[in-house]
Amino acid sequence: MVLAPSVCPMWWGRVREASTAGNGSSQLTHLSLAEIRRLITRLTDRRPAPIDHILHWSTWRRRRQHQARVSHYKRRGHSP
């Protein structure tokens, strides 16, 4: 995780921006090591998808993970 900003400084700021944007970021799971690896792989691919698409998908996925976690705990009568 420490290497990522120095290896790819051009898009790392956009990753951080997407993670902390005012779009309900408190309702996202944290960037896991697996998610960081997936982002680096997707962003450095020979035929990458547009950066905005990759970051949007990552944000959507993390928001859904948070919703699933909250639902899981709520169903069992606990708080997350």
N, C-alpha and C. Protein backbone atom coordinates (compact mmCIF):
# COMPACT_ATOMS: atom_id res chain seq x y z
N MET A 1 0.82 -1.18 0.00
CA MET A 1 0.00 0.00 0.00
C MET A 1 0.87 1.25 0.00
N VAL A 2 2.02 1.22 0.58
CA VAL A 2 2.91 2.37 0.61
C VAL A 2 3.48 2.64 -0.77
N LEU A 3 3.71 1.60 -1.55
CA LEU A 3 4.28 1.77 -2.88
C LEU A 3 3.32 2.38 -3.88
N ALA A 4 2.05 2.14 -3.72
CA ALA A 4 1.09 2.54 -4.74
C ALA A 4 1.17 4.02 -5.12
N PRO A 5 1.23 4.99 -4.18
CA PRO A 5 1.30 6.38 -4.60
C PRO A 5 2.57 6.70 -5.38
N SER A 6 3.68 6.08 -5.05
CA SER A 6 4.92 6.39 -5.75
C SER A 6 5.00 5.69 -7.11
N VAL A 7 4.36 4.55 -7.25
CA VAL A 7 4.40 3.81 -8.51
C VAL A 7 3.47 4.45 -9.54
N CYS A 8 2.30 4.85 -9.13
CA CYS A 8 1.30 5.38 -10.06
C CYS A 8 0.71 6.69 -9.54
N PRO A 9 1.51 7.74 -9.41
CA PRO A 9 1.01 8.98 -8.82
C PRO A 9 -0.09 9.65 -9.64
N MET A 10 -0.13 9.39 -10.95
CA MET A 10 -1.09 10.06 -11.81
C MET A 10 -2.53 9.71 -11.42
N TRP A 11 -2.81 8.44 -11.16
CA TRP A 11 -4.18 8.06 -10.86
C TRP A 11 -4.42 7.79 -9.39
N TRP A 12 -3.36 7.75 -8.56
CA TRP A 12 -3.58 7.47 -7.14
C TRP A 12 -4.43 8.54 -6.48
N GLY A 13 -4.23 9.80 -6.89
CA GLY A 13 -5.04 10.89 -6.34
C GLY A 13 -6.51 10.69 -6.66
N ARG A 14 -6.80 10.17 -7.84
CA ARG A 14 -8.20 9.93 -8.22
C ARG A 14 -8.79 8.78 -7.41
N VAL A 15 -7.97 7.78 -7.08
CA VAL A 15 -8.45 6.67 -6.24
C VAL A 15 -8.82 7.21 -4.87
N ARG A 16 -7.92 8.02 -4.30
CA ARG A 16 -8.18 8.60 -2.98
C ARG A 16 -9.41 9.52 -3.03
N GLU A 17 -9.52 10.32 -4.08
CA GLU A 17 -10.64 11.24 -4.24
C GLU A 17 -11.95 10.47 -4.32
N ALA A 18 -11.98 9.39 -5.07
CA ALA A 18 -13.20 8.58 -5.21
C ALA A 18 -13.56 7.92 -3.88
N SER A 19 -12.55 7.59 -3.07
CA SER A 19 -12.80 6.93 -1.80
C SER A 19 -13.33 7.89 -0.75
N THR A 20 -12.97 9.17 -0.86
CA THR A 20 -13.35 10.13 0.17
C THR A 20 -14.33 11.18 -0.33
N ALA A 21 -14.89 10.99 -1.51
CA ALA A 21 -15.83 11.97 -2.07
C ALA A 21 -17.09 12.03 -1.22
N GLY A 22 -17.84 13.08 -1.39
CA GLY A 22 -19.04 13.28 -0.60
C GLY A 22 -20.21 12.43 -1.06
N ASN A 23 -19.97 11.27 -1.61
CA ASN A 23 -21.05 10.42 -2.12
C ASN A 23 -21.34 9.27 -1.16
N GLY A 24 -21.37 9.55 0.14
CA GLY A 24 -21.65 8.49 1.09
C GLY A 24 -20.44 7.66 1.41
N SER A 25 -19.25 8.28 1.43
CA SER A 25 -18.03 7.51 1.65
C SER A 25 -17.99 6.86 3.03
N SER A 26 -18.80 7.40 3.98
CA SER A 26 -18.84 6.75 5.28
C SER A 26 -19.57 5.42 5.20
N GLN A 27 -20.21 5.17 4.08
CA GLN A 27 -20.93 3.93 3.89
C GLN A 27 -20.20 3.00 2.94
N LEU A 28 -18.88 3.13 2.89
CA LEU A 28 -18.06 2.25 2.05
C LEU A 28 -17.16 1.42 2.96
N THR A 29 -16.85 0.22 2.53
CA THR A 29 -15.84 -0.54 3.25
C THR A 29 -14.49 0.08 2.93
N HIS A 30 -13.51 -0.13 3.77
CA HIS A 30 -12.17 0.42 3.53
C HIS A 30 -11.54 -0.30 2.34
N LEU A 31 -10.57 0.35 1.73
CA LEU A 31 -9.83 -0.30 0.65
C LEU A 31 -9.04 -1.46 1.24
N SER A 32 -9.37 -2.65 0.81
CA SER A 32 -8.64 -3.83 1.29
C SER A 32 -7.42 -4.05 0.41
N LEU A 33 -6.53 -4.89 0.84
CA LEU A 33 -5.36 -5.21 0.03
C LEU A 33 -5.78 -5.83 -1.30
N ALA A 34 -6.79 -6.69 -1.26
CA ALA A 34 -7.28 -7.32 -2.50
C ALA A 34 -7.84 -6.27 -3.45
N GLU A 35 -8.58 -5.27 -2.91
CA GLU A 35 -9.14 -4.23 -3.76
C GLU A 35 -8.05 -3.35 -4.34
N ILE A 36 -7.02 -3.04 -3.57
CA ILE A 36 -5.89 -2.25 -4.06
C ILE A 36 -5.18 -3.01 -5.18
N ARG A 37 -4.95 -4.30 -4.98
CA ARG A 37 -4.32 -5.12 -6.03
C ARG A 37 -5.17 -5.12 -7.30
N ARG A 38 -6.48 -5.27 -7.13
CA ARG A 38 -7.37 -5.29 -8.29
C ARG A 38 -7.33 -3.96 -9.02
N LEU A 39 -7.34 -2.86 -8.28
CA LEU A 39 -7.28 -1.54 -8.91
C LEU A 39 -5.97 -1.35 -9.66
N ILE A 40 -4.86 -1.72 -9.05
CA ILE A 40 -3.56 -1.57 -9.71
C ILE A 40 -3.50 -2.43 -10.97
N THR A 41 -4.01 -3.65 -10.87
CA THR A 41 -4.01 -4.53 -12.04
C THR A 41 -4.86 -3.95 -13.16
N ARG A 42 -6.06 -3.48 -12.81
CA ARG A 42 -6.96 -2.93 -13.83
C ARG A 42 -6.41 -1.64 -14.43
N LEU A 43 -5.78 -0.80 -13.61
CA LEU A 43 -5.30 0.49 -14.09
C LEU A 43 -4.00 0.39 -14.87
N THR A 44 -3.25 -0.69 -14.69
CA THR A 44 -1.99 -0.85 -15.41
C THR A 44 -2.08 -1.91 -16.50
N ASP A 45 -3.29 -2.36 -16.80
CA ASP A 45 -3.50 -3.35 -17.85
C ASP A 45 -3.13 -2.77 -19.21
N ARG A 46 -2.78 -3.63 -20.14
CA ARG A 46 -2.42 -3.15 -21.48
C ARG A 46 -3.61 -2.51 -22.19
N ARG A 47 -4.79 -3.03 -21.94
CA ARG A 47 -6.02 -2.48 -22.53
C ARG A 47 -6.95 -2.06 -21.40
N PRO A 48 -6.59 -1.02 -20.67
CA PRO A 48 -7.40 -0.66 -19.50
C PRO A 48 -8.74 -0.05 -19.89
N ALA A 49 -9.69 -0.26 -19.03
CA ALA A 49 -10.98 0.41 -19.17
C ALA A 49 -10.75 1.87 -18.74
N PRO A 50 -11.67 2.76 -19.06
CA PRO A 50 -11.51 4.15 -18.62
C PRO A 50 -11.39 4.22 -17.09
N ILE A 51 -10.52 5.09 -16.61
CA ILE A 51 -10.26 5.20 -15.18
C ILE A 51 -11.54 5.50 -14.42
N ASP A 52 -12.37 6.39 -14.95
CA ASP A 52 -13.62 6.72 -14.26
C ASP A 52 -14.50 5.49 -14.08
N HIS A 53 -14.53 4.61 -15.07
CA HIS A 53 -15.33 3.38 -14.97
C HIS A 53 -14.78 2.47 -13.87
N ILE A 54 -13.48 2.30 -13.83
CA ILE A 54 -12.84 1.44 -12.84
C ILE A 54 -13.11 1.96 -11.43
N LEU A 55 -12.94 3.27 -11.23
CA LEU A 55 -13.15 3.85 -9.90
C LEU A 55 -14.63 3.81 -9.51
N HIS A 56 -15.52 4.04 -10.47
CA HIS A 56 -16.96 3.98 -10.18
C HIS A 56 -17.34 2.55 -9.76
N TRP A 57 -16.84 1.55 -10.48
CA TRP A 57 -17.15 0.17 -10.15
C TRP A 57 -16.63 -0.18 -8.75
N SER A 58 -15.42 0.28 -8.43
CA SER A 58 -14.84 0.00 -7.11
C SER A 58 -15.68 0.63 -6.01
N THR A 59 -16.11 1.87 -6.21
CA THR A 59 -16.94 2.55 -5.22
C THR A 59 -18.28 1.85 -5.07
N TRP A 60 -18.90 1.47 -6.18
CA TRP A 60 -20.17 0.75 -6.13
C TRP A 60 -20.02 -0.55 -5.37
N ARG A 61 -18.97 -1.29 -5.65
CA ARG A 61 -18.72 -2.59 -5.01
C ARG A 61 -18.53 -2.43 -3.50
N ARG A 62 -17.74 -1.44 -3.10
CA ARG A 62 -17.48 -1.23 -1.67
C ARG A 62 -18.73 -0.76 -0.94
N ARG A 63 -19.58 0.05 -1.63
CA ARG A 63 -20.84 0.48 -1.02
C ARG A 63 -21.75 -0.73 -0.80
N ARG A 64 -21.84 -1.62 -1.78
CA ARG A 64 -22.67 -2.82 -1.65
C ARG A 64 -22.13 -3.75 -0.56
N GLN A 65 -20.81 -3.84 -0.42
CA GLN A 65 -20.23 -4.65 0.66
C GLN A 65 -20.63 -4.09 2.01
N HIS A 66 -20.62 -2.76 2.14
CA HIS A 66 -21.01 -2.13 3.40
C HIS A 66 -22.48 -2.42 3.69
N GLN A 67 -23.35 -2.28 2.68
CA GLN A 67 -24.76 -2.55 2.88
C GLN A 67 -25.00 -3.99 3.28
N ALA A 68 -24.28 -4.92 2.68
CA ALA A 68 -24.42 -6.33 3.03
C ALA A 68 -23.97 -6.58 4.47
N ARG A 69 -22.90 -5.94 4.87
CA ARG A 69 -22.38 -6.10 6.23
C ARG A 69 -23.39 -5.58 7.26
N VAL A 70 -23.94 -4.39 7.01
CA VAL A 70 -24.94 -3.81 7.91
C VAL A 70 -26.16 -4.71 7.98
N SER A 71 -26.64 -5.17 6.84
CA SER A 71 -27.81 -6.05 6.79
C SER A 71 -27.56 -7.34 7.55
N HIS A 72 -26.37 -7.90 7.38
CA HIS A 72 -26.00 -9.14 8.06
C HIS A 72 -26.08 -8.98 9.58
N TYR A 73 -25.50 -7.88 10.09
CA TYR A 73 -25.52 -7.65 11.53
C TYR A 73 -26.92 -7.31 12.03
N LYS A 74 -27.65 -6.51 11.27
CA LYS A 74 -28.99 -6.10 11.67
C LYS A 74 -29.92 -7.31 11.79
N ARG A 75 -29.82 -8.24 10.83
CA ARG A 75 -30.65 -9.42 10.83
C ARG A 75 -30.42 -10.26 12.08
N ARG A 76 -29.22 -10.22 12.61
CA ARG A 76 -28.90 -11.01 13.80
C ARG A 76 -29.03 -10.21 15.09
N GLY A 77 -29.50 -8.96 14.97
CA GLY A 77 -29.74 -8.15 16.16
C GLY A 77 -28.50 -7.53 16.76
N HIS A 78 -27.44 -7.37 15.97
CA HIS A 78 -26.20 -6.76 16.45
C HIS A 78 -25.96 -5.45 15.72
N SER A 79 -25.01 -4.67 16.23
CA SER A 79 -24.62 -3.46 15.49
C SER A 79 -23.25 -3.68 14.87
N PRO A 80 -23.05 -3.15 13.68
CA PRO A 80 -21.78 -3.39 12.96
C PRO A 80 -20.61 -2.78 13.60
